[in-house]
């Protein structure tokens, strides 16, 4: 393919050099790419719809299936049945990843490591509206940040991002959306009880990572902190913490909120 066949793809904050070539996406190859591709093939074999992996091109880039559609971030907020569907998708991804170990050691580098306990699952790490393509298929893209994590830590980010990211929404309405999402996932009582506090911790961790990146001149995160992401995540973390009791009531366990 010549350069004229390449169409730059925009919208991501952390990966430059992503282009479309026909019905494929070409992305930079990284240290964990072989393990990430192995994980994607693993969940696909289990019946989960993910972008097909096609190896490496002559320039050394990843070759992935281009999935037609638009990011959920650019669509109207999902209705309750749509949120339940996304919850089911994430549960399927977690279940399909259970027990996965890459065939060769991978230099995993989690953007936000699990704060407590030991990781027990290789997770996508960013199952959010900006990585969910809506079209004839609903598919999560951008698997490059996959790393060891836990169901709770991964689900906390997804639940917050899909249902609690708008601090102007009435908490009661947001709680209904959260419940639909978590019901779709099929979370057990223990996971539901721990989720409100974990969502706060995850939002705080995102804000702190961006703040530290700005102080240490680590890009692209430092620029994101100063361009509005820092203020957004500060507001989200405060909002999620302030209403932990509301989320806990909605999920059926008052004891999880302090």
C-alpha atoms as a PDB file:
ATOM      1  CA  UNK A   1       0.000   0.000   0.000  1.00  0.00           C
ATOM      2  CA  UNK A   2       1.260   3.490  -0.742  1.00  0.00           C
ATOM      3  CA  UNK A   3       0.968   6.411   1.596  1.00  0.00           C
ATOM      4  CA  UNK A   4      -2.009   7.783  -0.405  1.00  0.00           C
ATOM      5  CA  UNK A   5      -3.998   4.717   0.664  1.00  0.00           C
ATOM      6  CA  UNK A   6      -3.633   5.649   4.342  1.00  0.00           C
ATOM      7  CA  UNK A   7      -6.305   7.650   6.140  1.00  0.00           C
ATOM      8  CA  UNK A   8      -5.306   9.074   9.538  1.00  0.00           C
ATOM      9  CA  UNK A   9      -7.703   8.169  12.330  1.00  0.00           C
ATOM     10  CA  UNK A  10      -8.313  10.789  14.985  1.00  0.00           C
ATOM     11  CA  UNK A  11      -9.954  10.777  18.379  1.00  0.00           C
ATOM     12  CA  UNK A  12      -7.434   8.984  20.570  1.00  0.00           C
ATOM     13  CA  UNK A  13      -5.396  10.787  23.208  1.00  0.00           C
ATOM     14  CA  UNK A  14      -2.539   8.369  23.823  1.00  0.00           C
ATOM     15  CA  UNK A  15      -1.550   6.696  20.544  1.00  0.00           C
ATOM     16  CA  UNK A  16      -0.213   8.612  17.551  1.00  0.00           C
ATOM     17  CA  UNK A  17       0.291   7.219  14.076  1.00  0.00           C
ATOM     18  CA  UNK A  18      -2.980   5.313  13.780  1.00  0.00           C
ATOM     19  CA  UNK A  19      -4.266   5.037  10.211  1.00  0.00           C
ATOM     20  CA  UNK A  20      -6.917   3.216   8.238  1.00  0.00           C
ATOM     21  CA  UNK A  21      -5.842   1.191   5.216  1.00  0.00           C
ATOM     22  CA  UNK A  22      -8.866  -0.288   3.460  1.00  0.00           C
ATOM     23  CA  UNK A  23     -10.717  -2.461   5.942  1.00  0.00           C
ATOM     24  CA  UNK A  24      -7.789  -2.533   8.375  1.00  0.00           C
ATOM     25  CA  UNK A  25      -6.270  -0.281  11.037  1.00  0.00           C
ATOM     26  CA  UNK A  26      -2.494   0.102  11.321  1.00  0.00           C
ATOM     27  CA  UNK A  27      -1.046   1.035  14.720  1.00  0.00           C
ATOM     28  CA  UNK A  28       2.446   1.206  16.215  1.00  0.00           C
ATOM     29  CA  UNK A  29       3.821  -2.104  17.481  1.00  0.00           C
ATOM     30  CA  UNK A  30       4.761  -2.034  21.163  1.00  0.00           C
ATOM     31  CA  UNK A  31       6.542  -4.268  23.690  1.00  0.00           C
ATOM     32  CA  UNK A  32       3.302  -5.922  24.823  1.00  0.00           C
ATOM     33  CA  UNK A  33       1.660  -6.181  21.396  1.00  0.00           C
ATOM     34  CA  UNK A  34       2.318  -9.932  20.919  1.00  0.00           C
ATOM     35  CA  UNK A  35       0.684 -10.700  24.274  1.00  0.00           C
ATOM     36  CA  UNK A  36      -2.206  -8.304  23.586  1.00  0.00           C
ATOM     37  CA  UNK A  37      -2.879  -9.963  20.235  1.00  0.00           C
ATOM     38  CA  UNK A  38      -2.795 -13.348  21.921  1.00  0.00           C
ATOM     39  CA  UNK A  39      -5.344 -12.118  24.468  1.00  0.00           C
ATOM     40  CA  UNK A  40      -7.603 -10.757  21.722  1.00  0.00           C
ATOM     41  CA  UNK A  41      -7.476 -14.068  19.880  1.00  0.00           C
ATOM     42  CA  UNK A  42      -8.245 -15.882  23.126  1.00  0.00           C
ATOM     43  CA  UNK A  43     -11.426 -13.902  23.810  1.00  0.00           C
ATOM     44  CA  UNK A  44     -12.474 -14.136  20.145  1.00  0.00           C
ATOM     45  CA  UNK A  45     -12.241 -17.928  20.275  1.00  0.00           C
ATOM     46  CA  UNK A  46     -14.491 -17.767  23.340  1.00  0.00           C
ATOM     47  CA  UNK A  47     -17.124 -16.044  21.206  1.00  0.00           C
ATOM     48  CA  UNK A  48     -16.542 -12.421  22.206  1.00  0.00           C
ATOM     49  CA  UNK A  49     -16.604  -9.923  19.323  1.00  0.00           C
ATOM     50  CA  UNK A  50     -13.299  -8.021  19.165  1.00  0.00           C
ATOM     51  CA  UNK A  51     -11.375  -6.574  16.206  1.00  0.00           C
ATOM     52  CA  UNK A  52      -9.736  -9.381  14.252  1.00  0.00           C
ATOM     53  CA  UNK A  53      -5.941  -9.503  14.503  1.00  0.00           C
ATOM     54  CA  UNK A  54      -4.029  -9.806  11.205  1.00  0.00           C
ATOM     55  CA  UNK A  55      -0.409  -9.651  12.342  1.00  0.00           C
ATOM     56  CA  UNK A  56       2.237  -7.135  11.279  1.00  0.00           C
ATOM     57  CA  UNK A  57       2.722  -5.149   8.084  1.00  0.00           C
ATOM     58  CA  UNK A  58       5.886  -4.395   6.117  1.00  0.00           C
ATOM     59  CA  UNK A  59       6.425  -1.236   8.193  1.00  0.00           C
ATOM     60  CA  UNK A  60       6.291  -3.198  11.438  1.00  0.00           C
ATOM     61  CA  UNK A  61       2.857  -1.946  12.456  1.00  0.00           C
ATOM     62  CA  UNK A  62      -0.053  -3.871  13.889  1.00  0.00           C
ATOM     63  CA  UNK A  63      -2.751  -4.883  11.411  1.00  0.00           C
ATOM     64  CA  UNK A  64      -6.204  -4.977  12.977  1.00  0.00           C
ATOM     65  CA  UNK A  65      -9.713  -5.150  11.593  1.00  0.00           C
ATOM     66  CA  UNK A  66     -11.390  -1.785  11.045  1.00  0.00           C
ATOM     67  CA  UNK A  67     -14.773  -1.922  12.773  1.00  0.00           C
ATOM     68  CA  UNK A  68     -17.337   0.419  11.132  1.00  0.00           C
ATOM     69  CA  UNK A  69     -19.375   2.656  13.373  1.00  0.00           C
ATOM     70  CA  UNK A  70     -18.997   5.600  15.731  1.00  0.00           C
ATOM     71  CA  UNK A  71     -17.687   5.825  19.305  1.00  0.00           C
ATOM     72  CA  UNK A  72     -20.345   5.659  21.999  1.00  0.00           C
ATOM     73  CA  UNK A  73     -18.832   8.898  23.326  1.00  0.00           C
ATOM     74  CA  UNK A  74     -20.171  10.710  20.244  1.00  0.00           C
ATOM     75  CA  UNK A  75     -23.658   9.192  20.479  1.00  0.00           C
ATOM     76  CA  UNK A  76     -26.532  10.137  22.780  1.00  0.00           C
ATOM     77  CA  UNK A  77     -26.290   8.549  26.250  1.00  0.00           C
ATOM     78  CA  UNK A  78     -27.176   4.880  26.147  1.00  0.00           C
ATOM     79  CA  UNK A  79     -30.630   3.887  27.376  1.00  0.00           C
ATOM     80  CA  UNK A  80     -30.949   1.441  30.255  1.00  0.00           C
ATOM     81  CA  UNK A  81     -31.124  -1.581  27.964  1.00  0.00           C
ATOM     82  CA  UNK A  82     -28.014  -0.393  26.138  1.00  0.00           C
ATOM     83  CA  UNK A  83     -26.152   0.008  29.410  1.00  0.00           C
ATOM     84  CA  UNK A  84     -27.184  -3.508  30.417  1.00  0.00           C
ATOM     85  CA  UNK A  85     -25.877  -4.754  27.073  1.00  0.00           C
ATOM     86  CA  UNK A  86     -22.511  -3.120  27.684  1.00  0.00           C
ATOM     87  CA  UNK A  87     -22.394  -4.631  31.161  1.00  0.00           C
ATOM     88  CA  UNK A  88     -22.953  -8.072  29.615  1.00  0.00           C
ATOM     89  CA  UNK A  89     -20.202  -7.410  27.065  1.00  0.00           C
ATOM     90  CA  UNK A  90     -17.706  -6.582  29.802  1.00  0.00           C
ATOM     91  CA  UNK A  91     -18.679  -9.650  31.800  1.00  0.00           C
ATOM     92  CA  UNK A  92     -18.095 -11.793  28.706  1.00  0.00           C
ATOM     93  CA  UNK A  93     -14.663 -10.213  28.200  1.00  0.00           C
ATOM     94  CA  UNK A  94     -13.695 -10.820  31.813  1.00  0.00           C
ATOM     95  CA  UNK A  95     -14.913 -14.406  31.760  1.00  0.00           C
ATOM     96  CA  UNK A  96     -13.111 -15.140  28.478  1.00  0.00           C
ATOM     97  CA  UNK A  97      -9.871 -13.686  29.895  1.00  0.00           C
ATOM     98  CA  UNK A  98      -9.984 -15.794  33.039  1.00  0.00           C
ATOM     99  CA  UNK A  99      -6.820 -17.840  33.416  1.00  0.00           C
ATOM    100  CA  UNK A 100      -5.083 -16.261  30.400  1.00  0.00           C
ATOM    101  CA  UNK A 101      -1.290 -16.187  30.477  1.00  0.00           C
ATOM    102  CA  UNK A 102       0.647 -15.191  27.349  1.00  0.00           C
ATOM    103  CA  UNK A 103       2.857 -17.842  25.805  1.00  0.00           C
ATOM    104  CA  UNK A 104       5.898 -15.595  26.365  1.00  0.00           C
ATOM    105  CA  UNK A 105       6.470 -13.185  29.294  1.00  0.00           C
ATOM    106  CA  UNK A 106       5.162  -9.707  28.561  1.00  0.00           C
ATOM    107  CA  UNK A 107       6.494  -6.421  29.976  1.00  0.00           C
ATOM    108  CA  UNK A 108       3.066  -5.325  31.156  1.00  0.00           C
ATOM    109  CA  UNK A 109       2.866  -1.674  32.197  1.00  0.00           C
ATOM    110  CA  UNK A 110      -0.544  -0.883  33.674  1.00  0.00           C
ATOM    111  CA  UNK A 111      -1.443   2.783  33.401  1.00  0.00           C
ATOM    112  CA  UNK A 112      -3.236   2.614  36.758  1.00  0.00           C
ATOM    113  CA  UNK A 113      -2.065  -0.408  38.754  1.00  0.00           C
ATOM    114  CA  UNK A 114      -4.457  -2.117  41.140  1.00  0.00           C
ATOM    115  CA  UNK A 115      -4.134  -0.233  44.462  1.00  0.00           C
ATOM    116  CA  UNK A 116      -4.779  -3.183  46.759  1.00  0.00           C
ATOM    117  CA  UNK A 117      -4.199  -6.899  46.458  1.00  0.00           C
ATOM    118  CA  UNK A 118      -2.714  -8.790  43.530  1.00  0.00           C
ATOM    119  CA  UNK A 119      -3.884  -8.629  39.917  1.00  0.00           C
ATOM    120  CA  UNK A 120      -5.643 -11.824  38.907  1.00  0.00           C
ATOM    121  CA  UNK A 121      -6.887 -11.073  35.403  1.00  0.00           C
ATOM    122  CA  UNK A 122      -5.451  -9.522  32.241  1.00  0.00           C
ATOM    123  CA  UNK A 123      -7.909  -6.718  31.475  1.00  0.00           C
ATOM    124  CA  UNK A 124      -8.419  -4.289  28.617  1.00  0.00           C
ATOM    125  CA  UNK A 125      -8.113  -1.451  31.142  1.00  0.00           C
ATOM    126  CA  UNK A 126     -10.117   1.151  29.213  1.00  0.00           C
ATOM    127  CA  UNK A 127     -13.564  -0.297  28.483  1.00  0.00           C
ATOM    128  CA  UNK A 128     -15.183   3.113  28.153  1.00  0.00           C
ATOM    129  CA  UNK A 129     -17.485   5.063  25.801  1.00  0.00           C
ATOM    130  CA  UNK A 130     -14.475   6.397  23.889  1.00  0.00           C
ATOM    131  CA  UNK A 131     -13.402   2.846  23.044  1.00  0.00           C
ATOM    132  CA  UNK A 132     -16.814   1.317  22.281  1.00  0.00           C
ATOM    133  CA  UNK A 133     -17.793   1.353  18.607  1.00  0.00           C
ATOM    134  CA  UNK A 134     -21.527   1.380  17.942  1.00  0.00           C
ATOM    135  CA  UNK A 135     -22.743   0.124  14.574  1.00  0.00           C
ATOM    136  CA  UNK A 136     -24.107  -3.140  13.267  1.00  0.00           C
ATOM    137  CA  UNK A 137     -21.784  -4.591  15.880  1.00  0.00           C
ATOM    138  CA  UNK A 138     -20.895  -3.220  19.299  1.00  0.00           C
ATOM    139  CA  UNK A 139     -17.154  -3.743  19.720  1.00  0.00           C
ATOM    140  CA  UNK A 140     -14.502  -2.509  22.147  1.00  0.00           C
ATOM    141  CA  UNK A 141     -11.363  -1.328  20.362  1.00  0.00           C
ATOM    142  CA  UNK A 142      -7.915  -0.066  21.433  1.00  0.00           C
ATOM    143  CA  UNK A 143      -6.587  -3.015  23.405  1.00  0.00           C
ATOM    144  CA  UNK A 144      -3.007  -1.730  23.610  1.00  0.00           C
ATOM    145  CA  UNK A 145      -3.251  -0.809  27.294  1.00  0.00           C
ATOM    146  CA  UNK A 146      -4.212  -4.310  28.415  1.00  0.00           C
ATOM    147  CA  UNK A 147      -2.407  -5.331  31.604  1.00  0.00           C
ATOM    148  CA  UNK A 148      -2.847  -7.297  34.826  1.00  0.00           C
ATOM    149  CA  UNK A 149      -5.776  -6.027  36.889  1.00  0.00           C
ATOM    150  CA  UNK A 150      -8.874  -7.294  38.691  1.00  0.00           C
ATOM    151  CA  UNK A 151     -12.548  -7.502  37.821  1.00  0.00           C
ATOM    152  CA  UNK A 152     -13.350  -4.863  40.437  1.00  0.00           C
ATOM    153  CA  UNK A 153     -10.756  -2.316  39.270  1.00  0.00           C
ATOM    154  CA  UNK A 154     -11.662  -2.765  35.596  1.00  0.00           C
ATOM    155  CA  UNK A 155     -15.400  -2.720  36.221  1.00  0.00           C
ATOM    156  CA  UNK A 156     -15.149   0.338  38.484  1.00  0.00           C
ATOM    157  CA  UNK A 157     -13.695   2.407  35.654  1.00  0.00           C
ATOM    158  CA  UNK A 158     -16.206   1.161  33.097  1.00  0.00           C
ATOM    159  CA  UNK A 159     -19.208   1.653  35.373  1.00  0.00           C
ATOM    160  CA  UNK A 160     -18.125   5.177  36.260  1.00  0.00           C
ATOM    161  CA  UNK A 161     -17.295   6.114  32.669  1.00  0.00           C
ATOM    162  CA  UNK A 162     -20.597   4.883  31.240  1.00  0.00           C
ATOM    163  CA  UNK A 163     -22.931   6.078  33.997  1.00  0.00           C
ATOM    164  CA  UNK A 164     -21.318   8.649  36.327  1.00  0.00           C
ATOM    165  CA  UNK A 165     -19.123  10.716  34.014  1.00  0.00           C
ATOM    166  CA  UNK A 166     -21.582  13.615  33.757  1.00  0.00           C
ATOM    167  CA  UNK A 167     -21.380  15.448  37.068  1.00  0.00           C
ATOM    168  CA  UNK A 168     -24.393  17.588  36.102  1.00  0.00           C
ATOM    169  CA  UNK A 169     -26.746  14.590  35.959  1.00  0.00           C
ATOM    170  CA  UNK A 170     -29.042  14.129  38.924  1.00  0.00           C
ATOM    171  CA  UNK A 171     -27.547  11.437  41.189  1.00  0.00           C
ATOM    172  CA  UNK A 172     -30.817   9.501  41.334  1.00  0.00           C
ATOM    173  CA  UNK A 173     -30.959   9.246  37.544  1.00  0.00           C
ATOM    174  CA  UNK A 174     -27.283   8.334  37.365  1.00  0.00           C
ATOM    175  CA  UNK A 175     -27.854   5.647  40.000  1.00  0.00           C
ATOM    176  CA  UNK A 176     -30.550   4.042  37.851  1.00  0.00           C
ATOM    177  CA  UNK A 177     -28.129   3.946  34.944  1.00  0.00           C
ATOM    178  CA  UNK A 178     -25.416   2.495  37.159  1.00  0.00           C
ATOM    179  CA  UNK A 179     -27.763  -0.225  38.386  1.00  0.00           C
ATOM    180  CA  UNK A 180     -28.715  -1.208  34.831  1.00  0.00           C
ATOM    181  CA  UNK A 181     -25.045  -1.464  33.905  1.00  0.00           C
ATOM    182  CA  UNK A 182     -24.070  -3.532  36.950  1.00  0.00           C
ATOM    183  CA  UNK A 183     -27.152  -5.746  36.628  1.00  0.00           C
ATOM    184  CA  UNK A 184     -26.136  -6.415  33.033  1.00  0.00           C
ATOM    185  CA  UNK A 185     -22.682  -7.433  34.220  1.00  0.00           C
ATOM    186  CA  UNK A 186     -24.275  -9.822  36.688  1.00  0.00           C
ATOM    187  CA  UNK A 187     -22.163  -8.645  39.612  1.00  0.00           C
ATOM    188  CA  UNK A 188     -22.489 -10.676  42.783  1.00  0.00           C
ATOM    189  CA  UNK A 189     -23.223  -9.157  46.192  1.00  0.00           C
ATOM    190  CA  UNK A 190     -19.560  -8.759  47.142  1.00  0.00           C
ATOM    191  CA  UNK A 191     -18.661  -6.975  43.909  1.00  0.00           C
ATOM    192  CA  UNK A 192     -21.688  -4.684  44.179  1.00  0.00           C
ATOM    193  CA  UNK A 193     -20.810  -3.809  47.774  1.00  0.00           C
ATOM    194  CA  UNK A 194     -17.226  -2.870  46.894  1.00  0.00           C
ATOM    195  CA  UNK A 195     -17.981  -0.984  43.698  1.00  0.00           C
ATOM    196  CA  UNK A 196     -18.971   2.481  45.037  1.00  0.00           C
ATOM    197  CA  UNK A 197     -15.691   2.962  46.909  1.00  0.00           C
ATOM    198  CA  UNK A 198     -13.704   1.449  44.026  1.00  0.00           C
ATOM    199  CA  UNK A 199     -15.239   3.886  41.533  1.00  0.00           C
ATOM    200  CA  UNK A 200     -14.072   6.788  43.682  1.00  0.00           C
ATOM    201  CA  UNK A 201     -10.585   5.296  44.003  1.00  0.00           C
ATOM    202  CA  UNK A 202     -10.358   4.722  40.246  1.00  0.00           C
ATOM    203  CA  UNK A 203     -11.387   8.294  39.402  1.00  0.00           C
ATOM    204  CA  UNK A 204      -8.943   9.655  42.003  1.00  0.00           C
ATOM    205  CA  UNK A 205      -6.178   7.493  40.527  1.00  0.00           C
ATOM    206  CA  UNK A 206      -6.837   8.850  37.035  1.00  0.00           C
ATOM    207  CA  UNK A 207      -6.670  12.439  38.257  1.00  0.00           C
ATOM    208  CA  UNK A 208      -3.478  11.778  40.239  1.00  0.00           C
ATOM    209  CA  UNK A 209      -1.802  10.096  37.259  1.00  0.00           C
ATOM    210  CA  UNK A 210      -2.542  13.087  35.036  1.00  0.00           C
ATOM    211  CA  UNK A 211      -1.384  15.543  37.710  1.00  0.00           C
ATOM    212  CA  UNK A 212       1.883  13.675  38.220  1.00  0.00           C
ATOM    213  CA  UNK A 213       2.440  13.414  34.467  1.00  0.00           C
ATOM    214  CA  UNK A 214       2.094  17.181  34.199  1.00  0.00           C
ATOM    215  CA  UNK A 215       4.639  17.705  36.983  1.00  0.00           C
ATOM    216  CA  UNK A 216       7.068  15.215  35.409  1.00  0.00           C
ATOM    217  CA  UNK A 217       6.570  16.269  31.757  1.00  0.00           C
ATOM    218  CA  UNK A 218       5.324  12.811  30.745  1.00  0.00           C
ATOM    219  CA  UNK A 219       3.332  12.948  27.550  1.00  0.00           C
ATOM    220  CA  UNK A 220       0.683  12.722  26.318  1.00  0.00           C
ATOM    221  CA  UNK A 221      -0.739  12.650  29.824  1.00  0.00           C
ATOM    222  CA  UNK A 222       0.783  15.946  30.967  1.00  0.00           C
ATOM    223  CA  UNK A 223      -0.772  17.872  28.092  1.00  0.00           C
ATOM    224  CA  UNK A 224      -4.092  16.179  28.760  1.00  0.00           C
ATOM    225  CA  UNK A 225      -4.004  17.391  32.367  1.00  0.00           C
ATOM    226  CA  UNK A 226      -3.626  21.023  31.324  1.00  0.00           C
ATOM    227  CA  UNK A 227      -6.070  20.843  28.400  1.00  0.00           C
ATOM    228  CA  UNK A 228      -9.114  20.054  30.542  1.00  0.00           C
ATOM    229  CA  UNK A 229      -8.813  16.390  31.454  1.00  0.00           C
ATOM    230  CA  UNK A 230      -7.369  17.264  34.840  1.00  0.00           C
ATOM    231  CA  UNK A 231     -10.329  19.461  35.734  1.00  0.00           C
ATOM    232  CA  UNK A 232     -12.750  16.848  34.421  1.00  0.00           C
ATOM    233  CA  UNK A 233     -11.305  14.029  36.503  1.00  0.00           C
ATOM    234  CA  UNK A 234     -11.051  16.204  39.614  1.00  0.00           C
ATOM    235  CA  UNK A 235     -14.750  16.966  39.277  1.00  0.00           C
ATOM    236  CA  UNK A 236     -15.677  13.354  38.575  1.00  0.00           C
ATOM    237  CA  UNK A 237     -13.712  12.033  41.549  1.00  0.00           C
ATOM    238  CA  UNK A 238     -15.369  14.550  43.878  1.00  0.00           C
ATOM    239  CA  UNK A 239     -18.817  13.789  42.453  1.00  0.00           C
ATOM    240  CA  UNK A 240     -18.467  10.012  42.732  1.00  0.00           C
ATOM    241  CA  UNK A 241     -17.163  10.292  46.297  1.00  0.00           C
ATOM    242  CA  UNK A 242     -19.857  12.745  47.366  1.00  0.00           C
ATOM    243  CA  UNK A 243     -22.649  10.392  46.301  1.00  0.00           C
ATOM    244  CA  UNK A 244     -21.198   7.025  47.322  1.00  0.00           C
ATOM    245  CA  UNK A 245     -24.191   6.381  49.576  1.00  0.00           C
ATOM    246  CA  UNK A 246     -26.546   6.910  46.630  1.00  0.00           C
ATOM    247  CA  UNK A 247     -24.636   4.431  44.482  1.00  0.00           C
ATOM    248  CA  UNK A 248     -24.555   1.947  47.366  1.00  0.00           C
ATOM    249  CA  UNK A 249     -28.312   2.171  47.920  1.00  0.00           C
ATOM    250  CA  UNK A 250     -28.956   1.678  44.229  1.00  0.00           C
ATOM    251  CA  UNK A 251     -26.722  -1.384  44.147  1.00  0.00           C
ATOM    252  CA  UNK A 252     -28.406  -2.831  47.208  1.00  0.00           C
ATOM    253  CA  UNK A 253     -25.724  -2.492  49.908  1.00  0.00           C
ATOM    254  CA  UNK A 254     -25.675   0.571  52.155  1.00  0.00           C
ATOM    255  CA  UNK A 255     -22.665  -0.735  54.019  1.00  0.00           C
ATOM    256  CA  UNK A 256     -20.270  -0.090  51.151  1.00  0.00           C
ATOM    257  CA  UNK A 257     -20.414   3.685  51.536  1.00  0.00           C
ATOM    258  CA  UNK A 258     -18.713   5.374  54.426  1.00  0.00           C
END
